[in-house]
Amino acid sequence: MSKLLYITANPKNDSKLSKGMQIGEVFLEEFKKEQPDVEIEHMHLYSMDIRFVRSPSVS
């Protein structure tokens, strides 16, 4: 089975507030119609607990 990783990185959780997220949702709806066997995993970066990289060598 094929997979699609769909990543969003928008601080707005409500897709109605983001044109980019609205476009992405339309794409996913159409993609599902054309490729119903593809497993889609949605990763919303702002809802994940991701640490910032802090290093003396990174400025």
Foldseek 3Di string as FASTA:
>chain_A
DAEAEAEAEDLDPDCVVPPVSVVVVVVVVVCCVVCVPYHYDYHYPNVDPDDDDDDPVPD
